[in-house]
C-alpha atoms as a PDB file:
ATOM      1  CA  UNK A   1      45.767   3.053  -3.758  1.00  0.00           C
ATOM      2  CA  UNK A   2      46.564  -0.410  -5.063  1.00  0.00           C
ATOM      3  CA  UNK A   3      44.004  -3.210  -5.406  1.00  0.00           C
ATOM      4  CA  UNK A   4      45.396  -4.999  -2.321  1.00  0.00           C
ATOM      5  CA  UNK A   5      45.244  -1.825  -0.241  1.00  0.00           C
ATOM      6  CA  UNK A   6      41.695  -1.166  -1.387  1.00  0.00           C
ATOM      7  CA  UNK A   7      40.626  -4.710  -0.483  1.00  0.00           C
ATOM      8  CA  UNK A   8      42.260  -4.428   2.941  1.00  0.00           C
ATOM      9  CA  UNK A   9      40.570  -1.057   3.532  1.00  0.00           C
ATOM     10  CA  UNK A  10      37.169  -2.482   2.600  1.00  0.00           C
ATOM     11  CA  UNK A  11      37.748  -5.477   4.880  1.00  0.00           C
ATOM     12  CA  UNK A  12      38.688  -3.300   7.866  1.00  0.00           C
ATOM     13  CA  UNK A  13      35.691  -1.021   7.219  1.00  0.00           C
ATOM     14  CA  UNK A  14      33.251  -3.937   7.118  1.00  0.00           C
ATOM     15  CA  UNK A  15      34.653  -5.455  10.318  1.00  0.00           C
ATOM     16  CA  UNK A  16      34.453  -2.075  12.084  1.00  0.00           C
ATOM     17  CA  UNK A  17      30.852  -1.555  11.035  1.00  0.00           C
ATOM     18  CA  UNK A  18      29.879  -5.080  12.120  1.00  0.00           C
ATOM     19  CA  UNK A  19      31.526  -4.600  15.509  1.00  0.00           C
ATOM     20  CA  UNK A  20      29.646  -1.337  15.970  1.00  0.00           C
ATOM     21  CA  UNK A  21      26.410  -3.133  15.139  1.00  0.00           C
ATOM     22  CA  UNK A  22      27.277  -5.857  17.648  1.00  0.00           C
ATOM     23  CA  UNK A  23      27.969  -3.359  20.408  1.00  0.00           C
ATOM     24  CA  UNK A  24      24.730  -1.532  19.701  1.00  0.00           C
ATOM     25  CA  UNK A  25      22.727  -4.771  19.616  1.00  0.00           C
ATOM     26  CA  UNK A  26      24.191  -5.963  22.921  1.00  0.00           C
ATOM     27  CA  UNK A  27      23.547  -2.652  24.631  1.00  0.00           C
ATOM     28  CA  UNK A  28      19.908  -2.675  23.521  1.00  0.00           C
ATOM     29  CA  UNK A  29      19.429  -6.340  24.451  1.00  0.00           C
ATOM     30  CA  UNK A  30      18.725  -7.495  20.879  1.00  0.00           C
ATOM     31  CA  UNK A  31      21.841  -9.716  20.687  1.00  0.00           C
ATOM     32  CA  UNK A  32      23.335 -12.290  23.094  1.00  0.00           C
ATOM     33  CA  UNK A  33      26.540 -11.537  25.046  1.00  0.00           C
ATOM     34  CA  UNK A  34      29.941 -11.938  23.294  1.00  0.00           C
ATOM     35  CA  UNK A  35      30.903 -15.475  22.281  1.00  0.00           C
ATOM     36  CA  UNK A  36      34.041 -16.782  24.107  1.00  0.00           C
ATOM     37  CA  UNK A  37      35.387 -18.104  20.804  1.00  0.00           C
ATOM     38  CA  UNK A  38      35.870 -14.555  19.594  1.00  0.00           C
ATOM     39  CA  UNK A  39      38.763 -13.944  22.031  1.00  0.00           C
ATOM     40  CA  UNK A  40      40.880 -16.957  20.899  1.00  0.00           C
ATOM     41  CA  UNK A  41      40.044 -17.002  17.207  1.00  0.00           C
ATOM     42  CA  UNK A  42      42.756 -15.558  14.897  1.00  0.00           C
ATOM     43  CA  UNK A  43      40.029 -14.390  12.548  1.00  0.00           C
ATOM     44  CA  UNK A  44      37.557 -11.806  13.811  1.00  0.00           C
ATOM     45  CA  UNK A  45      34.488 -13.754  14.901  1.00  0.00           C
ATOM     46  CA  UNK A  46      31.502 -11.728  13.779  1.00  0.00           C
ATOM     47  CA  UNK A  47      27.877 -12.515  14.518  1.00  0.00           C
ATOM     48  CA  UNK A  48      25.708 -11.088  11.823  1.00  0.00           C
ATOM     49  CA  UNK A  49      22.892  -8.991  13.175  1.00  0.00           C
ATOM     50  CA  UNK A  50      19.473 -10.593  12.892  1.00  0.00           C
ATOM     51  CA  UNK A  51      17.497  -9.753   9.810  1.00  0.00           C
ATOM     52  CA  UNK A  52      14.148  -8.273  10.720  1.00  0.00           C
ATOM     53  CA  UNK A  53      11.207  -9.533   8.752  1.00  0.00           C
ATOM     54  CA  UNK A  54       7.577  -8.601   8.952  1.00  0.00           C
ATOM     55  CA  UNK A  55       6.475 -11.484  11.121  1.00  0.00           C
ATOM     56  CA  UNK A  56       2.881 -11.816  12.218  1.00  0.00           C
ATOM     57  CA  UNK A  57       2.051 -11.918  15.878  1.00  0.00           C
ATOM     58  CA  UNK A  58       2.643 -15.391  17.404  1.00  0.00           C
ATOM     59  CA  UNK A  59      -0.857 -15.280  18.752  1.00  0.00           C
ATOM     60  CA  UNK A  60      -3.177 -14.601  15.868  1.00  0.00           C
ATOM     61  CA  UNK A  61      -6.767 -13.476  16.080  1.00  0.00           C
ATOM     62  CA  UNK A  62      -8.806 -15.919  18.053  1.00  0.00           C
ATOM     63  CA  UNK A  63     -11.492 -17.770  16.221  1.00  0.00           C
ATOM     64  CA  UNK A  64     -14.385 -17.168  18.523  1.00  0.00           C
ATOM     65  CA  UNK A  65     -17.243 -19.576  18.381  1.00  0.00           C
ATOM     66  CA  UNK A  66     -20.657 -18.119  17.661  1.00  0.00           C
ATOM     67  CA  UNK A  67     -22.633 -16.975  20.673  1.00  0.00           C
ATOM     68  CA  UNK A  68     -24.954 -19.920  20.161  1.00  0.00           C
ATOM     69  CA  UNK A  69     -28.504 -20.279  21.309  1.00  0.00           C
ATOM     70  CA  UNK A  70     -27.904 -21.055  25.000  1.00  0.00           C
ATOM     71  CA  UNK A  71     -26.916 -17.606  26.421  1.00  0.00           C
ATOM     72  CA  UNK A  72     -29.748 -15.738  24.641  1.00  0.00           C
ATOM     73  CA  UNK A  73     -32.148 -18.484  25.704  1.00  0.00           C
ATOM     74  CA  UNK A  74     -31.063 -18.162  29.349  1.00  0.00           C
ATOM     75  CA  UNK A  75     -31.519 -14.370  29.244  1.00  0.00           C
ATOM     76  CA  UNK A  76     -34.947 -14.737  27.652  1.00  0.00           C
ATOM     77  CA  UNK A  77     -36.084 -17.410  30.145  1.00  0.00           C
ATOM     78  CA  UNK A  78     -34.983 -15.284  33.114  1.00  0.00           C
ATOM     79  CA  UNK A  79     -36.808 -12.302  31.617  1.00  0.00           C
ATOM     80  CA  UNK A  80     -40.037 -14.284  31.173  1.00  0.00           C
ATOM     81  CA  UNK A  81     -39.740 -15.805  34.649  1.00  0.00           C
ATOM     82  CA  UNK A  82     -39.270 -12.367  36.205  1.00  0.00           C
ATOM     83  CA  UNK A  83     -42.385 -11.035  34.469  1.00  0.00           C
ATOM     84  CA  UNK A  84     -44.426 -14.038  35.580  1.00  0.00           C
ATOM     85  CA  UNK A  85     -43.165 -13.741  39.164  1.00  0.00           C
ATOM     86  CA  UNK A  86     -43.910 -10.017  39.331  1.00  0.00           C
ATOM     87  CA  UNK A  87     -47.569 -10.747  38.659  1.00  0.00           C
ATOM     88  CA  UNK A  88     -47.718 -13.190  41.576  1.00  0.00           C
ATOM     89  CA  UNK A  89     -45.646 -11.418  44.213  1.00  0.00           C
ATOM     90  CA  UNK A  90     -47.380  -9.037  46.613  1.00  0.00           C
ATOM     91  CA  UNK A  91     -44.623  -7.419  48.661  1.00  0.00           C
ATOM     92  CA  UNK A  92     -45.338  -5.212  51.641  1.00  0.00           C
ATOM     93  CA  UNK A  93     -44.688  -1.488  51.615  1.00  0.00           C
ATOM     94  CA  UNK A  94     -41.292  -1.668  53.454  1.00  0.00           C
ATOM     95  CA  UNK A  95     -40.124  -4.388  51.049  1.00  0.00           C
ATOM     96  CA  UNK A  96     -41.154  -2.306  48.052  1.00  0.00           C
ATOM     97  CA  UNK A  97     -39.262   0.697  49.427  1.00  0.00           C
ATOM     98  CA  UNK A  98     -36.138  -1.423  49.804  1.00  0.00           C
ATOM     99  CA  UNK A  99     -36.639  -2.835  46.318  1.00  0.00           C
ATOM    100  CA  UNK A 100     -36.951   0.706  44.970  1.00  0.00           C
ATOM    101  CA  UNK A 101     -33.629   1.630  46.535  1.00  0.00           C
ATOM    102  CA  UNK A 102     -31.958  -1.431  44.988  1.00  0.00           C
ATOM    103  CA  UNK A 103     -33.621  -0.552  41.695  1.00  0.00           C
ATOM    104  CA  UNK A 104     -32.119   2.937  41.701  1.00  0.00           C
ATOM    105  CA  UNK A 105     -28.661   1.734  42.741  1.00  0.00           C
ATOM    106  CA  UNK A 106     -28.706  -0.933  40.027  1.00  0.00           C
ATOM    107  CA  UNK A 107     -29.754   1.665  37.475  1.00  0.00           C
ATOM    108  CA  UNK A 108     -26.875   3.948  38.454  1.00  0.00           C
ATOM    109  CA  UNK A 109     -24.370   1.080  38.268  1.00  0.00           C
ATOM    110  CA  UNK A 110     -25.595  -0.345  34.973  1.00  0.00           C
ATOM    111  CA  UNK A 111     -26.349   2.829  33.073  1.00  0.00           C
ATOM    112  CA  UNK A 112     -23.276   4.594  34.434  1.00  0.00           C
ATOM    113  CA  UNK A 113     -21.002   1.783  33.264  1.00  0.00           C
ATOM    114  CA  UNK A 114     -22.609   1.772  29.829  1.00  0.00           C
ATOM    115  CA  UNK A 115     -22.096   5.511  29.464  1.00  0.00           C
ATOM    116  CA  UNK A 116     -18.465   5.303  30.603  1.00  0.00           C
ATOM    117  CA  UNK A 117     -17.636   2.554  28.097  1.00  0.00           C
ATOM    118  CA  UNK A 118     -19.327   4.337  25.198  1.00  0.00           C
ATOM    119  CA  UNK A 119     -17.705   7.683  26.007  1.00  0.00           C
ATOM    120  CA  UNK A 120     -14.292   6.037  26.270  1.00  0.00           C
ATOM    121  CA  UNK A 121     -14.968   4.256  22.979  1.00  0.00           C
ATOM    122  CA  UNK A 122     -15.776   7.566  21.309  1.00  0.00           C
ATOM    123  CA  UNK A 123     -12.493   9.002  22.627  1.00  0.00           C
ATOM    124  CA  UNK A 124     -10.636   5.985  21.222  1.00  0.00           C
ATOM    125  CA  UNK A 125     -12.210   6.483  17.801  1.00  0.00           C
ATOM    126  CA  UNK A 126     -11.114  10.122  17.974  1.00  0.00           C
ATOM    127  CA  UNK A 127      -7.554   8.949  18.656  1.00  0.00           C
ATOM    128  CA  UNK A 128      -7.442  10.328  22.198  1.00  0.00           C
ATOM    129  CA  UNK A 129      -7.364   7.027  24.097  1.00  0.00           C
ATOM    130  CA  UNK A 130      -5.364   3.826  23.439  1.00  0.00           C
ATOM    131  CA  UNK A 131      -7.159   0.666  22.427  1.00  0.00           C
ATOM    132  CA  UNK A 132      -5.723  -1.535  25.184  1.00  0.00           C
ATOM    133  CA  UNK A 133      -7.133   0.824  27.827  1.00  0.00           C
ATOM    134  CA  UNK A 134     -10.574   0.622  26.215  1.00  0.00           C
ATOM    135  CA  UNK A 135     -10.496  -3.181  26.115  1.00  0.00           C
ATOM    136  CA  UNK A 136      -9.467  -3.450  29.772  1.00  0.00           C
ATOM    137  CA  UNK A 137     -12.111  -0.936  30.815  1.00  0.00           C
ATOM    138  CA  UNK A 138     -14.842  -2.757  28.891  1.00  0.00           C
ATOM    139  CA  UNK A 139     -13.846  -6.118  30.348  1.00  0.00           C
ATOM    140  CA  UNK A 140     -13.879  -4.714  33.889  1.00  0.00           C
ATOM    141  CA  UNK A 141     -17.222  -2.919  33.552  1.00  0.00           C
ATOM    142  CA  UNK A 142     -19.121  -5.708  31.776  1.00  0.00           C
ATOM    143  CA  UNK A 143     -19.544  -7.482  35.112  1.00  0.00           C
ATOM    144  CA  UNK A 144     -20.858  -4.274  36.703  1.00  0.00           C
ATOM    145  CA  UNK A 145     -23.368  -3.863  33.866  1.00  0.00           C
ATOM    146  CA  UNK A 146     -24.684  -7.396  34.312  1.00  0.00           C
ATOM    147  CA  UNK A 147     -24.933  -6.943  38.083  1.00  0.00           C
ATOM    148  CA  UNK A 148     -26.875  -3.738  37.514  1.00  0.00           C
ATOM    149  CA  UNK A 149     -29.180  -5.420  35.008  1.00  0.00           C
ATOM    150  CA  UNK A 150     -29.773  -8.347  37.361  1.00  0.00           C
ATOM    151  CA  UNK A 151     -30.529  -5.910  40.190  1.00  0.00           C
ATOM    152  CA  UNK A 152     -33.040  -4.075  38.016  1.00  0.00           C
ATOM    153  CA  UNK A 153     -34.842  -7.266  37.074  1.00  0.00           C
ATOM    154  CA  UNK A 154     -34.806  -8.727  40.584  1.00  0.00           C
ATOM    155  CA  UNK A 155     -35.976  -5.567  42.327  1.00  0.00           C
ATOM    156  CA  UNK A 156     -38.463  -4.788  39.586  1.00  0.00           C
ATOM    157  CA  UNK A 157     -40.365  -7.979  40.412  1.00  0.00           C
ATOM    158  CA  UNK A 158     -41.171  -6.526  43.833  1.00  0.00           C
ATOM    159  CA  UNK A 159     -42.351  -3.139  42.570  1.00  0.00           C
ATOM    160  CA  UNK A 160     -45.664  -4.488  41.242  1.00  0.00           C
ATOM    161  CA  UNK A 161     -45.335  -3.285  37.632  1.00  0.00           C
ATOM    162  CA  UNK A 162     -48.578  -2.695  35.755  1.00  0.00           C
ATOM    163  CA  UNK A 163     -48.253  -5.320  33.027  1.00  0.00           C
ATOM    164  CA  UNK A 164     -51.367  -4.053  31.268  1.00  0.00           C
ATOM    165  CA  UNK A 165     -49.715  -0.675  30.619  1.00  0.00           C
ATOM    166  CA  UNK A 166     -48.166  -0.078  27.212  1.00  0.00           C
ATOM    167  CA  UNK A 167     -45.322   1.895  28.763  1.00  0.00           C
ATOM    168  CA  UNK A 168     -44.472  -0.994  31.076  1.00  0.00           C
ATOM    169  CA  UNK A 169     -44.447  -3.456  28.207  1.00  0.00           C
ATOM    170  CA  UNK A 170     -42.126  -1.224  26.194  1.00  0.00           C
ATOM    171  CA  UNK A 171     -39.832  -0.890  29.198  1.00  0.00           C
ATOM    172  CA  UNK A 172     -39.721  -4.659  29.664  1.00  0.00           C
ATOM    173  CA  UNK A 173     -38.898  -5.107  25.971  1.00  0.00           C
ATOM    174  CA  UNK A 174     -36.068  -2.581  26.284  1.00  0.00           C
ATOM    175  CA  UNK A 175     -34.663  -4.497  29.269  1.00  0.00           C
ATOM    176  CA  UNK A 176     -34.613  -7.680  27.190  1.00  0.00           C
ATOM    177  CA  UNK A 177     -32.912  -5.829  24.326  1.00  0.00           C
ATOM    178  CA  UNK A 178     -30.281  -4.501  26.742  1.00  0.00           C
ATOM    179  CA  UNK A 179     -29.554  -8.027  27.982  1.00  0.00           C
ATOM    180  CA  UNK A 180     -29.268  -9.580  24.521  1.00  0.00           C
ATOM    181  CA  UNK A 181     -27.159  -6.677  23.303  1.00  0.00           C
ATOM    182  CA  UNK A 182     -24.880  -7.168  26.311  1.00  0.00           C
ATOM    183  CA  UNK A 183     -24.078 -10.682  25.092  1.00  0.00           C
ATOM    184  CA  UNK A 184     -23.219  -9.303  21.663  1.00  0.00           C
ATOM    185  CA  UNK A 185     -21.135  -6.469  23.127  1.00  0.00           C
ATOM    186  CA  UNK A 186     -19.102  -8.917  25.214  1.00  0.00           C
ATOM    187  CA  UNK A 187     -18.234 -10.910  22.129  1.00  0.00           C
ATOM    188  CA  UNK A 188     -17.324  -7.780  20.189  1.00  0.00           C
ATOM    189  CA  UNK A 189     -15.018  -6.617  22.986  1.00  0.00           C
ATOM    190  CA  UNK A 190     -13.120  -9.900  22.750  1.00  0.00           C
ATOM    191  CA  UNK A 191     -12.703  -9.427  19.016  1.00  0.00           C
ATOM    192  CA  UNK A 192     -11.615  -5.847  19.639  1.00  0.00           C
ATOM    193  CA  UNK A 193      -8.800  -7.084  21.876  1.00  0.00           C
ATOM    194  CA  UNK A 194      -7.335  -8.998  18.913  1.00  0.00           C
ATOM    195  CA  UNK A 195      -7.071  -5.884  16.750  1.00  0.00           C
ATOM    196  CA  UNK A 196      -3.881  -3.800  16.357  1.00  0.00           C
ATOM    197  CA  UNK A 197      -3.581  -1.408  19.267  1.00  0.00           C
ATOM    198  CA  UNK A 198      -2.907   1.540  16.968  1.00  0.00           C
ATOM    199  CA  UNK A 199      -5.716   1.303  14.431  1.00  0.00           C
ATOM    200  CA  UNK A 200      -4.774   4.600  12.795  1.00  0.00           C
ATOM    201  CA  UNK A 201      -1.419   3.145  11.729  1.00  0.00           C
ATOM    202  CA  UNK A 202      -2.348  -0.525  11.368  1.00  0.00           C
ATOM    203  CA  UNK A 203      -5.028  -2.378   9.415  1.00  0.00           C
ATOM    204  CA  UNK A 204      -8.283  -2.457  11.326  1.00  0.00           C
ATOM    205  CA  UNK A 205     -11.476  -4.400  10.727  1.00  0.00           C
ATOM    206  CA  UNK A 206     -13.911  -1.665   9.719  1.00  0.00           C
ATOM    207  CA  UNK A 207     -16.833  -4.080   9.869  1.00  0.00           C
ATOM    208  CA  UNK A 208     -16.022  -4.719  13.506  1.00  0.00           C
ATOM    209  CA  UNK A 209     -15.975  -0.972  14.099  1.00  0.00           C
ATOM    210  CA  UNK A 210     -19.432  -0.671  12.510  1.00  0.00           C
ATOM    211  CA  UNK A 211     -20.728  -3.461  14.759  1.00  0.00           C
ATOM    212  CA  UNK A 212     -19.302  -1.748  17.830  1.00  0.00           C
ATOM    213  CA  UNK A 213     -21.020   1.498  16.891  1.00  0.00           C
ATOM    214  CA  UNK A 214     -24.308  -0.320  16.312  1.00  0.00           C
ATOM    215  CA  UNK A 215     -24.027  -2.125  19.647  1.00  0.00           C
ATOM    216  CA  UNK A 216     -23.305   1.158  21.435  1.00  0.00           C
ATOM    217  CA  UNK A 217     -26.321   2.855  19.873  1.00  0.00           C
ATOM    218  CA  UNK A 218     -28.612  -0.047  20.788  1.00  0.00           C
ATOM    219  CA  UNK A 219     -27.239  -0.084  24.330  1.00  0.00           C
ATOM    220  CA  UNK A 220     -27.791   3.629  24.858  1.00  0.00           C
ATOM    221  CA  UNK A 221     -31.287   3.466  23.367  1.00  0.00           C
ATOM    222  CA  UNK A 222     -32.332   0.501  25.528  1.00  0.00           C
ATOM    223  CA  UNK A 223     -30.924   1.814  28.815  1.00  0.00           C
ATOM    224  CA  UNK A 224     -32.022   5.417  28.427  1.00  0.00           C
ATOM    225  CA  UNK A 225     -35.403   4.380  27.040  1.00  0.00           C
ATOM    226  CA  UNK A 226     -36.113   2.086  29.981  1.00  0.00           C
ATOM    227  CA  UNK A 227     -34.936   4.783  32.386  1.00  0.00           C
ATOM    228  CA  UNK A 228     -37.156   7.438  30.813  1.00  0.00           C
ATOM    229  CA  UNK A 229     -40.225   5.193  30.853  1.00  0.00           C
ATOM    230  CA  UNK A 230     -39.595   4.268  34.483  1.00  0.00           C
ATOM    231  CA  UNK A 231     -39.305   7.934  35.398  1.00  0.00           C
ATOM    232  CA  UNK A 232     -42.540   8.791  33.588  1.00  0.00           C
ATOM    233  CA  UNK A 233     -44.366   5.889  35.209  1.00  0.00           C
ATOM    234  CA  UNK A 234     -43.167   6.957  38.661  1.00  0.00           C
ATOM    235  CA  UNK A 235     -44.000  10.655  38.335  1.00  0.00           C
ATOM    236  CA  UNK A 236     -47.236  10.442  36.334  1.00  0.00           C
ATOM    237  CA  UNK A 237     -48.699   7.224  37.586  1.00  0.00           C
ATOM    238  CA  UNK A 238     -48.786   3.857  35.970  1.00  0.00           C
END
């Protein structure tokens, strides 16, 4: 094979390969449709396939502002106001029975949602659930948790809690901890949504994971602790 024949063979091979790449790119939607100039041009009009680079996501991690002092202050003020009101309210027996029903329903809604989120989070850590499903679930159930917590506080004011009892004071402290931890958990869930969806194959903020675990432990301790104390107070007297 002469030098001219070798050059012509290489030229034809390159054009064939480029055309195959074009056809493949158009079929997969990665390249635009054929250019009309290609039909009338005496020289094969070849569009080079795009070069793929490791480009960061167009929407980077959001810089979330600190929680600030206002949300925790609001939660604390509502907690103090509920305790003060419970000492002044003297509801009748039918009202207390209705408040007890609301109390139980709110407990089921709040504690049940907390358990579901934490169990799903454990499955995600084990690699058995995708991250985007966990984030959507947490965002949907956060509202249910806050409704349950508000129902517990509102109905608890009508149940005439014994504020002089040590158990009652511990339970009230656990309710406050659950509320403040809920603010922290909401912020952490937003940060979690900015992480790679496949943390086993992509870099993941391990400090964020440690915070999520800590928030889950605090949440379980506060909710189950308040539930256990309420059960003991109901069955063994105040």
